[in-house]
Amino acid sequence: MVAGSAKRLREAEEIVDELRKALAVMGVTLPSLRVDPVSLATDARHPLIDLGRCNLDTAARLAAALRHGHG
């Protein structure tokens, strides 16, 4: 892995970890939350974060958490 790629991966993993912790505080767990491996394989400057799939209950909790945080 090229040094720049390793740095991008490390930064992306740190952000995913921060997001996972912030969501957990609001009672939301996205089981498939991860760094998108395909975006790491490209020349894109920033990898994408895959929020993944979730069930309806999780989606409702996420929506409530976002509303709570916004207002």
N, C-alpha and C. Protein backbone atom coordinates (compact mmCIF):
# COMPACT_ATOMS: atom_id res chain seq x y z
N MET A 1 0.85 -1.17 0.00
CA MET A 1 0.00 0.00 0.00
C MET A 1 0.89 1.23 0.00
N VAL A 2 0.59 2.21 -0.81
CA VAL A 2 1.36 3.44 -0.90
C VAL A 2 1.15 4.25 0.37
N ALA A 3 2.17 4.99 0.78
CA ALA A 3 2.10 5.75 2.03
C ALA A 3 0.89 6.67 2.06
N GLY A 4 0.60 7.36 0.96
CA GLY A 4 -0.57 8.24 0.91
C GLY A 4 -1.86 7.48 1.12
N SER A 5 -1.94 6.30 0.55
CA SER A 5 -3.13 5.47 0.71
C SER A 5 -3.28 5.03 2.16
N ALA A 6 -2.20 4.68 2.79
CA ALA A 6 -2.25 4.27 4.20
C ALA A 6 -2.72 5.43 5.07
N LYS A 7 -2.25 6.63 4.76
CA LYS A 7 -2.68 7.80 5.53
C LYS A 7 -4.17 8.07 5.33
N ARG A 8 -4.63 7.97 4.08
CA ARG A 8 -6.06 8.18 3.80
C ARG A 8 -6.90 7.15 4.53
N LEU A 9 -6.47 5.91 4.53
CA LEU A 9 -7.20 4.86 5.23
C LEU A 9 -7.25 5.12 6.73
N ARG A 10 -6.13 5.48 7.31
CA ARG A 10 -6.07 5.75 8.75
C ARG A 10 -7.01 6.91 9.11
N GLU A 11 -6.97 7.99 8.33
CA GLU A 11 -7.85 9.13 8.59
C GLU A 11 -9.32 8.73 8.46
N ALA A 12 -9.63 7.96 7.42
CA ALA A 12 -11.01 7.52 7.21
C ALA A 12 -11.47 6.62 8.35
N GLU A 13 -10.63 5.73 8.80
CA GLU A 13 -10.99 4.84 9.91
C GLU A 13 -11.21 5.62 11.20
N GLU A 14 -10.42 6.66 11.41
CA GLU A 14 -10.61 7.51 12.60
C GLU A 14 -11.96 8.22 12.54
N ILE A 15 -12.33 8.71 11.38
CA ILE A 15 -13.62 9.39 11.23
C ILE A 15 -14.77 8.41 11.41
N VAL A 16 -14.64 7.22 10.86
CA VAL A 16 -15.67 6.20 11.05
C VAL A 16 -15.82 5.89 12.53
N ASP A 17 -14.71 5.79 13.24
CA ASP A 17 -14.77 5.52 14.68
C ASP A 17 -15.46 6.66 15.42
N GLU A 18 -15.14 7.91 15.07
CA GLU A 18 -15.79 9.07 15.69
C GLU A 18 -17.30 9.04 15.42
N LEU A 19 -17.68 8.74 14.19
CA LEU A 19 -19.09 8.68 13.83
C LEU A 19 -19.79 7.57 14.59
N ARG A 20 -19.16 6.41 14.67
CA ARG A 20 -19.74 5.28 15.40
C ARG A 20 -19.99 5.64 16.87
N LYS A 21 -19.01 6.31 17.50
CA LYS A 21 -19.16 6.71 18.89
C LYS A 21 -20.25 7.77 19.06
N ALA A 22 -20.31 8.74 18.17
CA ALA A 22 -21.33 9.78 18.25
C ALA A 22 -22.72 9.20 18.08
N LEU A 23 -22.87 8.27 17.15
CA LEU A 23 -24.16 7.62 16.95
C LEU A 23 -24.53 6.78 18.17
N ALA A 24 -23.56 6.12 18.76
CA ALA A 24 -23.83 5.28 19.93
C ALA A 24 -24.38 6.11 21.09
N VAL A 25 -23.86 7.31 21.26
CA VAL A 25 -24.36 8.20 22.31
C VAL A 25 -25.85 8.48 22.11
N MET A 26 -26.28 8.52 20.85
CA MET A 26 -27.68 8.78 20.53
C MET A 26 -28.50 7.49 20.45
N GLY A 27 -27.87 6.35 20.77
CA GLY A 27 -28.57 5.07 20.76
C GLY A 27 -28.73 4.47 19.37
N VAL A 28 -27.86 4.87 18.45
CA VAL A 28 -27.95 4.38 17.07
C VAL A 28 -26.70 3.56 16.75
N THR A 29 -26.92 2.37 16.20
CA THR A 29 -25.82 1.53 15.73
C THR A 29 -26.06 1.20 14.27
N LEU A 30 -25.11 1.58 13.43
CA LEU A 30 -25.17 1.20 12.01
C LEU A 30 -24.22 0.01 11.84
N PRO A 31 -24.76 -1.20 11.76
CA PRO A 31 -23.91 -2.39 11.77
C PRO A 31 -22.94 -2.49 10.60
N SER A 32 -23.25 -1.85 9.49
CA SER A 32 -22.39 -1.96 8.31
C SER A 32 -21.51 -0.73 8.10
N LEU A 33 -21.44 0.16 9.08
CA LEU A 33 -20.63 1.37 8.97
C LEU A 33 -19.18 1.00 8.76
N ARG A 34 -18.57 1.55 7.69
CA ARG A 34 -17.18 1.22 7.37
C ARG A 34 -16.64 2.16 6.31
N VAL A 35 -15.34 2.09 6.12
CA VAL A 35 -14.71 2.78 5.00
C VAL A 35 -15.00 1.97 3.75
N ASP A 36 -15.43 2.65 2.70
CA ASP A 36 -15.73 1.97 1.44
C ASP A 36 -14.43 1.54 0.77
N PRO A 37 -14.18 0.23 0.66
CA PRO A 37 -12.91 -0.24 0.12
C PRO A 37 -12.71 0.13 -1.35
N VAL A 38 -13.77 0.23 -2.11
CA VAL A 38 -13.64 0.56 -3.53
C VAL A 38 -13.08 1.97 -3.69
N SER A 39 -13.55 2.90 -2.85
CA SER A 39 -13.07 4.28 -2.98
C SER A 39 -11.59 4.40 -2.59
N LEU A 40 -11.10 3.48 -1.79
CA LEU A 40 -9.67 3.48 -1.46
C LEU A 40 -8.82 3.03 -2.64
N ALA A 41 -9.41 2.29 -3.53
CA ALA A 41 -8.67 1.74 -4.66
C ALA A 41 -8.57 2.73 -5.82
N THR A 42 -9.21 3.88 -5.70
CA THR A 42 -9.18 4.87 -6.77
C THR A 42 -8.19 5.97 -6.42
N ASP A 43 -8.08 6.92 -7.32
CA ASP A 43 -7.21 8.07 -7.09
C ASP A 43 -7.93 9.21 -6.38
N ALA A 44 -9.14 8.96 -5.91
CA ALA A 44 -9.90 10.00 -5.21
C ALA A 44 -9.12 10.46 -3.99
N ARG A 45 -9.18 11.75 -3.71
CA ARG A 45 -8.43 12.30 -2.58
C ARG A 45 -8.98 11.83 -1.25
N HIS A 46 -10.29 11.64 -1.19
CA HIS A 46 -10.91 11.25 0.07
C HIS A 46 -11.75 9.99 -0.13
N PRO A 47 -11.51 8.97 0.66
CA PRO A 47 -12.33 7.77 0.55
C PRO A 47 -13.76 8.06 1.01
N LEU A 48 -14.67 7.24 0.57
CA LEU A 48 -16.06 7.37 0.97
C LEU A 48 -16.32 6.53 2.21
N ILE A 49 -17.31 6.96 2.98
CA ILE A 49 -17.74 6.21 4.14
C ILE A 49 -19.05 5.53 3.78
N ASP A 50 -19.09 4.24 3.93
CA ASP A 50 -20.28 3.45 3.63
C ASP A 50 -21.10 3.36 4.91
N LEU A 51 -22.27 4.01 4.90
CA LEU A 51 -23.13 3.98 6.08
C LEU A 51 -23.86 2.65 6.18
N GLY A 52 -23.90 1.92 5.10
CA GLY A 52 -24.42 0.57 5.12
C GLY A 52 -25.93 0.47 5.18
N ARG A 53 -26.35 -0.72 5.44
CA ARG A 53 -27.77 -1.03 5.50
C ARG A 53 -28.20 -1.10 6.95
N CYS A 54 -29.47 -0.74 7.18
CA CYS A 54 -29.99 -0.84 8.53
C CYS A 54 -31.48 -1.15 8.47
N ASN A 55 -32.01 -1.63 9.58
CA ASN A 55 -33.43 -1.95 9.61
C ASN A 55 -34.24 -0.68 9.88
N LEU A 56 -35.57 -0.80 9.84
CA LEU A 56 -36.43 0.36 10.00
C LEU A 56 -36.29 1.01 11.37
N ASP A 57 -36.13 0.20 12.41
CA ASP A 57 -35.98 0.75 13.75
C ASP A 57 -34.72 1.61 13.85
N THR A 58 -33.63 1.13 13.29
CA THR A 58 -32.39 1.89 13.31
C THR A 58 -32.54 3.18 12.50
N ALA A 59 -33.19 3.10 11.35
CA ALA A 59 -33.40 4.29 10.53
C ALA A 59 -34.25 5.32 11.28
N ALA A 60 -35.26 4.87 11.99
CA ALA A 60 -36.10 5.77 12.77
C ALA A 60 -35.29 6.42 13.90
N ARG A 61 -34.44 5.64 14.58
CA ARG A 61 -33.61 6.20 15.65
C ARG A 61 -32.61 7.21 15.10
N LEU A 62 -32.07 6.91 13.93
CA LEU A 62 -31.13 7.84 13.29
C LEU A 62 -31.83 9.15 12.94
N ALA A 63 -33.01 9.06 12.36
CA ALA A 63 -33.78 10.25 12.02
C ALA A 63 -34.09 11.07 13.27
N ALA A 64 -34.49 10.39 14.35
CA ALA A 64 -34.79 11.09 15.61
C ALA A 64 -33.54 11.76 16.17
N ALA A 65 -32.41 11.08 16.09
CA ALA A 65 -31.16 11.64 16.59
C ALA A 65 -30.78 12.89 15.79
N LEU A 66 -30.95 12.84 14.50
CA LEU A 66 -30.64 13.99 13.66
C LEU A 66 -31.58 15.16 13.96
N ARG A 67 -32.85 14.86 14.13
CA ARG A 67 -33.80 15.92 14.48
C ARG A 67 -33.45 16.53 15.82
N HIS A 68 -33.12 15.68 16.80
CA HIS A 68 -32.77 16.14 18.14
C HIS A 68 -31.52 17.03 18.09
N GLY A 69 -30.54 16.62 17.33
CA GLY A 69 -29.30 17.37 17.22
C GLY A 69 -29.47 18.68 16.47
N HIS A 70 -30.42 18.74 15.59
CA HIS A 70 -30.63 19.94 14.78
C HIS A 70 -31.41 21.00 15.54
N GLY A 71 -32.35 20.56 16.37
CA GLY A 71 -33.22 21.56 16.99
C GLY A 71 -33.09 21.59 18.45
